[in-house]
Amino acid sequence: MAEKEESRSLATSASVVPIGTLDEEGASRWRSAQYLRKRQGVLFCCGCSIVTVVVLGFIALILALTVFKMQDPKLTVKGIHVEGLKAAVGTNSSLNATMMADISIKNPNVASFRLENSTTEFFYRRESVGVASIPGGVVSADHTKRMNLTVTVVTRQVATLENTTDGSPTGSVNLTSYTKIKGRVNLFGIFRRKLDVFLNCEMTLDLSLNKQDAQNLVCGANTI
C-alpha cells in the first residue's frame, strides 16, 4: 500500500507545471500577437498612404493637362479710329493725327492674368512716331478686358504726300504698330507661368480724310 501511494504521489508531482511558467508563456504569446497587430496596422497605413499619394498625383496630372493647363492670352485689336488728321505738303511735309485703338485681351485660363504696365508704339518707316501707355491690371479667369488707347502720331518727311488742285493733301500713308504686354498667371501658388504677348499691326491712312477708321488693318499676335 505504501508503494502504491508513493507512486501516485510521484506521478502527481511530475504532472504539475509551475504557475509562473504558464504566465510567462501567455504573456509572450500576447506580446507577439500585439506586435503582429501593430505591424499589420503600420503596413496597412503605409499602403493606404502610398495609394492615396499615387491617386492624388494622377488626379493632379490630369487636371494640369486639362482644366489647369496654362493657355496663352489672346490679344486683339478691334479697330483703330483716326481723328484730326492733318497733313502738310511741301519741303517739310508732315502728318499729325490722333489715333484711338480699341484693344482687348482675353484670358482663357481658370486663374487670373496679372498684366504689367505696357505700351503700344506706332512706326512710320521703322521710325517711332507715337507711344500709347497700357496701364497694368488684372484680367479675371475666363474673361476679356477691353482697353481704349489714345496716342498722337506725328511724322516728318512723309514721302507719299501730294497736292490736289485745291491744295489739300491726297494719297495714303502706311503705319505699323507694336504692342508688348507682360504678365503672369498664378494658380493656387502651384501652377505659375510668366507670359509675354506681342501684337504687330499694319494699317493704311487716307490723307484726304480728317476722320476715318484705319484701312487694311492686319494684325498678328504671338506669345512667349
C-alpha atoms as a PDB file:
ATOM      1  CA  MET A   1       0.000   0.000   0.000  1.00  0.00           C
ATOM      2  CA  ALA A   2       2.806   2.345   0.844  1.00  0.00           C
ATOM      3  CA  GLU A   3       4.460   1.686  -2.531  1.00  0.00           C
ATOM      4  CA  LYS A   4       1.201   2.455  -4.432  1.00  0.00           C
ATOM      5  CA  GLU A   5       0.661   5.702  -2.537  1.00  0.00           C
ATOM      6  CA  GLU A   6       4.271   6.725  -3.177  1.00  0.00           C
ATOM      7  CA  SER A   7       3.942   6.034  -6.938  1.00  0.00           C
ATOM      8  CA  ARG A   8       0.713   8.068  -7.083  1.00  0.00           C
ATOM      9  CA  SER A   9       2.388  10.919  -5.282  1.00  0.00           C
ATOM     10  CA  LEU A  10       5.333  10.841  -7.702  1.00  0.00           C
ATOM     11  CA  ALA A  11       3.010  10.784 -10.756  1.00  0.00           C
ATOM     12  CA  THR A  12       1.009  13.697  -9.470  1.00  0.00           C
ATOM     13  CA  SER A  13       4.080  15.729  -8.670  1.00  0.00           C
ATOM     14  CA  ALA A  14       5.531  15.016 -12.147  1.00  0.00           C
ATOM     15  CA  SER A  15       2.499  16.483 -13.941  1.00  0.00           C
ATOM     16  CA  VAL A  16       2.390  19.721 -12.011  1.00  0.00           C
ATOM     17  CA  VAL A  17       3.537  22.840 -14.010  1.00  0.00           C
ATOM     18  CA  PRO A  18       4.558  25.927 -12.073  1.00  0.00           C
ATOM     19  CA  ILE A  19       2.111  28.833 -12.374  1.00  0.00           C
ATOM     20  CA  GLY A  20       4.889  31.269 -13.162  1.00  0.00           C
ATOM     21  CA  THR A  21       5.852  29.367 -16.329  1.00  0.00           C
ATOM     22  CA  LEU A  22       2.262  29.498 -17.631  1.00  0.00           C
ATOM     23  CA  ASP A  23       2.085  33.243 -17.015  1.00  0.00           C
ATOM     24  CA  GLU A  24       5.320  33.882 -18.901  1.00  0.00           C
ATOM     25  CA  GLU A  25       4.223  31.840 -21.915  1.00  0.00           C
ATOM     26  CA  GLY A  26       0.834  33.606 -22.026  1.00  0.00           C
ATOM     27  CA  ALA A  27       2.462  36.997 -21.772  1.00  0.00           C
ATOM     28  CA  SER A  28       4.904  36.101 -24.539  1.00  0.00           C
ATOM     29  CA  ARG A  29       2.060  34.989 -26.860  1.00  0.00           C
ATOM     30  CA  TRP A  30       0.121  38.187 -26.044  1.00  0.00           C
ATOM     31  CA  ARG A  31       3.136  40.358 -26.828  1.00  0.00           C
ATOM     32  CA  SER A  32       3.677  38.514 -30.104  1.00  0.00           C
ATOM     33  CA  ALA A  33       0.023  38.961 -31.066  1.00  0.00           C
ATOM     34  CA  GLN A  34       0.162  42.671 -30.208  1.00  0.00           C
ATOM     35  CA  TYR A  35       3.349  43.123 -32.245  1.00  0.00           C
ATOM     36  CA  LEU A  36       1.779  41.404 -35.240  1.00  0.00           C
ATOM     37  CA  ARG A  37      -1.323  43.586 -34.971  1.00  0.00           C
ATOM     38  CA  LYS A  38       0.755  46.765 -34.769  1.00  0.00           C
ATOM     39  CA  ARG A  39       2.901  45.673 -37.695  1.00  0.00           C
ATOM     40  CA  GLN A  40      -0.142  44.859 -39.791  1.00  0.00           C
ATOM     41  CA  GLY A  41      -1.666  48.238 -38.875  1.00  0.00           C
ATOM     42  CA  VAL A  42       1.510  50.088 -39.852  1.00  0.00           C
ATOM     43  CA  LEU A  43       1.749  48.206 -43.141  1.00  0.00           C
ATOM     44  CA  PHE A  44      -1.918  48.901 -43.840  1.00  0.00           C
ATOM     45  CA  CYS A  45      -1.485  52.633 -43.120  1.00  0.00           C
ATOM     46  CA  CYS A  46       1.633  52.799 -45.299  1.00  0.00           C
ATOM     47  CA  GLY A  47      -0.172  51.031 -48.116  1.00  0.00           C
ATOM     48  CA  CYS A  48      -3.153  53.387 -47.880  1.00  0.00           C
ATOM     49  CA  SER A  49      -0.837  56.414 -47.823  1.00  0.00           C
ATOM     50  CA  ILE A  50       1.028  55.246 -50.917  1.00  0.00           C
ATOM     51  CA  VAL A  51      -2.209  54.538 -52.785  1.00  0.00           C
ATOM     52  CA  THR A  52      -3.591  57.962 -51.760  1.00  0.00           C
ATOM     53  CA  VAL A  53      -0.451  59.755 -52.930  1.00  0.00           C
ATOM     54  CA  VAL A  54      -0.488  57.917 -56.256  1.00  0.00           C
ATOM     55  CA  VAL A  55      -4.191  58.666 -56.823  1.00  0.00           C
ATOM     56  CA  LEU A  56      -3.782  62.337 -55.903  1.00  0.00           C
ATOM     57  CA  GLY A  57      -0.739  62.610 -58.146  1.00  0.00           C
ATOM     58  CA  PHE A  58      -2.664  61.049 -61.014  1.00  0.00           C
ATOM     59  CA  ILE A  59      -5.584  63.431 -60.458  1.00  0.00           C
ATOM     60  CA  ALA A  60      -3.222  66.417 -60.285  1.00  0.00           C
ATOM     61  CA  LEU A  61      -1.571  65.324 -63.538  1.00  0.00           C
ATOM     62  CA  ILE A  62      -4.941  65.049 -65.296  1.00  0.00           C
ATOM     63  CA  LEU A  63      -6.015  68.472 -64.013  1.00  0.00           C
ATOM     64  CA  ALA A  64      -2.692  70.015 -65.020  1.00  0.00           C
ATOM     65  CA  LEU A  65      -3.109  68.687 -68.554  1.00  0.00           C
ATOM     66  CA  THR A  66      -6.784  69.652 -68.894  1.00  0.00           C
ATOM     67  CA  VAL A  67      -8.571  72.100 -66.610  1.00  0.00           C
ATOM     68  CA  PHE A  68      -5.474  73.802 -65.171  1.00  0.00           C
ATOM     69  CA  LYS A  69      -3.417  73.789 -68.354  1.00  0.00           C
ATOM     70  CA  MET A  70      -1.939  77.236 -68.912  1.00  0.00           C
ATOM     71  CA  GLN A  71      -3.153  78.814 -72.137  1.00  0.00           C
ATOM     72  CA  ASP A  72      -1.844  81.886 -73.901  1.00  0.00           C
ATOM     73  CA  PRO A  73      -3.892  85.093 -73.501  1.00  0.00           C
ATOM     74  CA  LYS A  74      -5.297  86.375 -76.782  1.00  0.00           C
ATOM     75  CA  LEU A  75      -4.573  89.989 -77.689  1.00  0.00           C
ATOM     76  CA  THR A  76      -6.634  91.505 -80.491  1.00  0.00           C
ATOM     77  CA  VAL A  77      -7.294  94.936 -81.997  1.00  0.00           C
ATOM     78  CA  LYS A  78     -10.967  95.588 -82.631  1.00  0.00           C
ATOM     79  CA  GLY A  79     -10.230  98.699 -84.642  1.00  0.00           C
ATOM     80  CA  ILE A  80      -8.232 101.924 -84.850  1.00  0.00           C
ATOM     81  CA  HIS A  81     -10.052 105.219 -85.282  1.00  0.00           C
ATOM     82  CA  VAL A  82      -8.314 108.365 -86.525  1.00  0.00           C
ATOM     83  CA  GLU A  83      -9.382 111.911 -85.765  1.00  0.00           C
ATOM     84  CA  GLY A  84      -7.903 115.319 -86.511  1.00  0.00           C
ATOM     85  CA  LEU A  85      -5.656 114.077 -89.295  1.00  0.00           C
ATOM     86  CA  LYS A  86      -3.610 116.985 -90.646  1.00  0.00           C
ATOM     87  CA  ALA A  87      -1.084 116.665 -93.420  1.00  0.00           C
ATOM     88  CA  ALA A  88       1.293 119.375 -94.573  1.00  0.00           C
ATOM     89  CA  VAL A  89       2.677 119.284 -98.098  1.00  0.00           C
ATOM     90  CA  GLY A  90       5.928 120.856 -99.155  1.00  0.00           C
ATOM     91  CA  THR A  91       9.599 120.739 -98.324  1.00  0.00           C
ATOM     92  CA  ASN A  92       8.833 119.874 -94.698  1.00  0.00           C
ATOM     93  CA  SER A  93       5.937 117.504 -95.297  1.00  0.00           C
ATOM     94  CA  SER A  94       4.430 116.104 -92.098  1.00  0.00           C
ATOM     95  CA  LEU A  95       1.478 114.238 -90.705  1.00  0.00           C
ATOM     96  CA  ASN A  96      -0.307 114.800 -87.406  1.00  0.00           C
ATOM     97  CA  ALA A  97      -3.206 112.685 -86.173  1.00  0.00           C
ATOM     98  CA  THR A  98      -4.861 111.403 -83.013  1.00  0.00           C
ATOM     99  CA  MET A  99      -5.316 107.635 -83.086  1.00  0.00           C
ATOM    100  CA  MET A 100      -7.595 105.668 -80.786  1.00  0.00           C
ATOM    101  CA  ALA A 101      -7.044 101.923 -80.628  1.00  0.00           C
ATOM    102  CA  ASP A 102      -9.665  99.521 -79.274  1.00  0.00           C
ATOM    103  CA  ILE A 103      -7.657  96.623 -77.832  1.00  0.00           C
ATOM    104  CA  SER A 104      -8.927  93.561 -75.973  1.00  0.00           C
ATOM    105  CA  ILE A 105      -7.111  90.822 -74.123  1.00  0.00           C
ATOM    106  CA  LYS A 106      -8.826  87.524 -73.379  1.00  0.00           C
ATOM    107  CA  ASN A 107      -7.704  85.288 -70.539  1.00  0.00           C
ATOM    108  CA  PRO A 108      -8.815  81.683 -71.218  1.00  0.00           C
ATOM    109  CA  ASN A 109      -7.264  80.296 -68.022  1.00  0.00           C
ATOM    110  CA  VAL A 110      -9.009  79.284 -64.785  1.00  0.00           C
ATOM    111  CA  ALA A 111      -6.750  81.720 -62.910  1.00  0.00           C
ATOM    112  CA  SER A 112      -6.477  85.484 -63.251  1.00  0.00           C
ATOM    113  CA  PHE A 113      -3.860  87.057 -65.519  1.00  0.00           C
ATOM    114  CA  ARG A 114      -1.931  89.963 -63.991  1.00  0.00           C
ATOM    115  CA  LEU A 115      -0.503  92.287 -66.583  1.00  0.00           C
ATOM    116  CA  GLU A 116       2.213  94.866 -66.040  1.00  0.00           C
ATOM    117  CA  ASN A 117       2.379  98.406 -67.403  1.00  0.00           C
ATOM    118  CA  SER A 118       2.897  98.091 -71.144  1.00  0.00           C
ATOM    119  CA  THR A 119       2.970 100.162 -74.315  1.00  0.00           C
ATOM    120  CA  THR A 120       1.746 100.306 -77.894  1.00  0.00           C
ATOM    121  CA  GLU A 121       4.147 102.034 -80.247  1.00  0.00           C
ATOM    122  CA  PHE A 122       3.429 103.315 -83.758  1.00  0.00           C
ATOM    123  CA  PHE A 123       6.034 103.454 -86.524  1.00  0.00           C
ATOM    124  CA  TYR A 124       6.423 105.106 -89.884  1.00  0.00           C
ATOM    125  CA  ARG A 125       9.201 103.559 -91.944  1.00  0.00           C
ATOM    126  CA  ARG A 126      10.662 101.953 -88.794  1.00  0.00           C
ATOM    127  CA  GLU A 127      10.810 105.298 -87.013  1.00  0.00           C
ATOM    128  CA  SER A 128       8.775 105.689 -83.820  1.00  0.00           C
ATOM    129  CA  VAL A 129       6.076 108.342 -84.272  1.00  0.00           C
ATOM    130  CA  GLY A 130       3.908 107.807 -81.185  1.00  0.00           C
ATOM    131  CA  VAL A 131       3.615 105.763 -77.975  1.00  0.00           C
ATOM    132  CA  ALA A 132       0.455 104.864 -76.028  1.00  0.00           C
ATOM    133  CA  SER A 133       0.617 103.602 -72.425  1.00  0.00           C
ATOM    134  CA  ILE A 134      -1.277 100.498 -71.308  1.00  0.00           C
ATOM    135  CA  PRO A 135      -1.908 100.518 -67.540  1.00  0.00           C
ATOM    136  CA  GLY A 136      -1.358  97.350 -65.552  1.00  0.00           C
ATOM    137  CA  GLY A 137      -4.269  95.432 -64.128  1.00  0.00           C
ATOM    138  CA  VAL A 138      -5.934  92.075 -63.716  1.00  0.00           C
ATOM    139  CA  VAL A 139      -7.885  90.066 -66.255  1.00  0.00           C
ATOM    140  CA  SER A 140     -10.183  87.689 -64.397  1.00  0.00           C
ATOM    141  CA  ALA A 141     -10.325  83.984 -65.206  1.00  0.00           C
ATOM    142  CA  ASP A 142     -12.105  83.250 -68.478  1.00  0.00           C
ATOM    143  CA  HIS A 143     -12.825  86.934 -69.072  1.00  0.00           C
ATOM    144  CA  THR A 144     -11.980  89.552 -71.694  1.00  0.00           C
ATOM    145  CA  LYS A 145     -10.754  93.030 -70.826  1.00  0.00           C
ATOM    146  CA  ARG A 146     -11.131  95.869 -73.310  1.00  0.00           C
ATOM    147  CA  MET A 147      -8.826  98.879 -73.339  1.00  0.00           C
ATOM    148  CA  ASN A 148      -9.094 102.119 -75.291  1.00  0.00           C
ATOM    149  CA  LEU A 149      -5.732 103.683 -76.050  1.00  0.00           C
ATOM    150  CA  THR A 150      -5.167 107.190 -77.385  1.00  0.00           C
ATOM    151  CA  VAL A 151      -1.940 108.370 -78.986  1.00  0.00           C
ATOM    152  CA  THR A 152      -0.909 111.381 -81.014  1.00  0.00           C
ATOM    153  CA  VAL A 153       1.072 110.422 -84.090  1.00  0.00           C
ATOM    154  CA  VAL A 154       3.486 112.947 -85.577  1.00  0.00           C
ATOM    155  CA  THR A 155       5.572 112.086 -88.634  1.00  0.00           C
ATOM    156  CA  ARG A 156       8.088 114.033 -90.644  1.00  0.00           C
ATOM    157  CA  GLN A 157       9.066 113.756 -94.279  1.00  0.00           C
ATOM    158  CA  VAL A 158       6.051 111.789 -95.464  1.00  0.00           C
ATOM    159  CA  ALA A 159       7.052 110.568 -98.903  1.00  0.00           C
ATOM    160  CA  THR A 160       3.564 109.949-100.293  1.00  0.00           C
ATOM    161  CA  LEU A 161       2.076 113.400 -99.702  1.00  0.00           C
ATOM    162  CA  GLU A 162       0.721 115.102-102.792  1.00  0.00           C
ATOM    163  CA  ASN A 163      -1.371 118.172-103.517  1.00  0.00           C
ATOM    164  CA  THR A 164      -4.742 118.197-105.200  1.00  0.00           C
ATOM    165  CA  THR A 165      -5.893 121.055-107.381  1.00  0.00           C
ATOM    166  CA  ASP A 166      -7.418 122.820-104.397  1.00  0.00           C
ATOM    167  CA  GLY A 167      -4.244 122.445-102.307  1.00  0.00           C
ATOM    168  CA  SER A 168      -5.478 119.720 -99.969  1.00  0.00           C
ATOM    169  CA  PRO A 169      -3.274 116.669 -99.460  1.00  0.00           C
ATOM    170  CA  THR A 170      -4.057 113.364-101.086  1.00  0.00           C
ATOM    171  CA  GLY A 171      -2.634 109.882-101.142  1.00  0.00           C
ATOM    172  CA  SER A 172      -2.096 107.453 -98.283  1.00  0.00           C
ATOM    173  CA  VAL A 173       0.462 106.544 -95.676  1.00  0.00           C
ATOM    174  CA  ASN A 174       1.277 103.144 -94.191  1.00  0.00           C
ATOM    175  CA  LEU A 175       1.883 102.791 -90.464  1.00  0.00           C
ATOM    176  CA  THR A 176       2.782  99.853 -88.248  1.00  0.00           C
ATOM    177  CA  SER A 177       2.238  99.318 -84.532  1.00  0.00           C
ATOM    178  CA  TYR A 178       3.907  97.095 -81.971  1.00  0.00           C
ATOM    179  CA  THR A 179       2.280  96.112 -78.669  1.00  0.00           C
ATOM    180  CA  LYS A 180       4.016  94.178 -75.912  1.00  0.00           C
ATOM    181  CA  ILE A 181       2.190  93.072 -72.770  1.00  0.00           C
ATOM    182  CA  LYS A 182       3.970  91.331 -69.910  1.00  0.00           C
ATOM    183  CA  GLY A 183       2.108  89.372 -67.267  1.00  0.00           C
ATOM    184  CA  ARG A 184       1.820  86.186 -65.288  1.00  0.00           C
ATOM    185  CA  VAL A 185      -0.726  83.532 -64.388  1.00  0.00           C
ATOM    186  CA  ASN A 186      -0.670  82.116 -60.853  1.00  0.00           C
ATOM    187  CA  LEU A 187      -2.976  79.249 -59.866  1.00  0.00           C
ATOM    188  CA  PHE A 188      -3.069  78.358 -56.152  1.00  0.00           C
ATOM    189  CA  GLY A 189       0.616  79.218 -55.959  1.00  0.00           C
ATOM    190  CA  ILE A 190       1.383  75.861 -57.619  1.00  0.00           C
ATOM    191  CA  PHE A 191       0.955  76.423 -61.334  1.00  0.00           C
ATOM    192  CA  ARG A 192       2.860  79.553 -62.323  1.00  0.00           C
ATOM    193  CA  ARG A 193       3.807  80.955 -65.687  1.00  0.00           C
ATOM    194  CA  LYS A 194       5.093  84.253 -66.995  1.00  0.00           C
ATOM    195  CA  LEU A 195       3.681  85.334 -70.329  1.00  0.00           C
ATOM    196  CA  ASP A 196       4.730  87.993 -72.821  1.00  0.00           C
ATOM    197  CA  VAL A 197       2.158  88.750 -75.520  1.00  0.00           C
ATOM    198  CA  PHE A 198       3.212  90.575 -78.691  1.00  0.00           C
ATOM    199  CA  LEU A 199       0.962  92.116 -81.330  1.00  0.00           C
ATOM    200  CA  ASN A 200       2.101  93.604 -84.631  1.00  0.00           C
ATOM    201  CA  CYS A 201      -0.290  95.535 -86.871  1.00  0.00           C
ATOM    202  CA  GLU A 202      -0.137  97.168 -90.274  1.00  0.00           C
ATOM    203  CA  MET A 203      -2.584  99.832 -91.441  1.00  0.00           C
ATOM    204  CA  THR A 204      -3.178 102.483 -94.057  1.00  0.00           C
ATOM    205  CA  LEU A 205      -4.415 106.051 -93.541  1.00  0.00           C
ATOM    206  CA  ASP A 206      -6.196 108.042 -96.239  1.00  0.00           C
ATOM    207  CA  LEU A 207      -4.668 111.520 -96.162  1.00  0.00           C
ATOM    208  CA  SER A 208      -7.737 113.152 -97.680  1.00  0.00           C
ATOM    209  CA  LEU A 209      -9.957 112.231 -94.719  1.00  0.00           C
ATOM    210  CA  ASN A 210      -9.868 114.117 -91.444  1.00  0.00           C
ATOM    211  CA  LYS A 211     -11.769 111.377 -89.592  1.00  0.00           C
ATOM    212  CA  GLN A 212     -11.623 107.726 -90.515  1.00  0.00           C
ATOM    213  CA  ASP A 213     -11.038 104.176 -89.414  1.00  0.00           C
ATOM    214  CA  ALA A 214      -7.636 102.775 -90.274  1.00  0.00           C
ATOM    215  CA  GLN A 215      -7.843 100.830 -93.515  1.00  0.00           C
ATOM    216  CA  ASN A 216      -6.309  97.486 -94.447  1.00  0.00           C
ATOM    217  CA  LEU A 217      -5.771  96.695 -90.758  1.00  0.00           C
ATOM    218  CA  VAL A 218      -3.902  93.406 -90.405  1.00  0.00           C
ATOM    219  CA  CYS A 219      -2.596  92.164 -87.044  1.00  0.00           C
ATOM    220  CA  GLY A 220      -0.690  89.130 -85.890  1.00  0.00           C
ATOM    221  CA  ALA A 221      -0.012  88.050 -82.308  1.00  0.00           C
ATOM    222  CA  ASN A 222       2.427  85.659 -80.681  1.00  0.00           C
ATOM    223  CA  THR A 223       3.283  84.659 -77.123  1.00  0.00           C
ATOM    224  CA  ILE A 224       6.414  83.539 -75.319  1.00  0.00           C
END
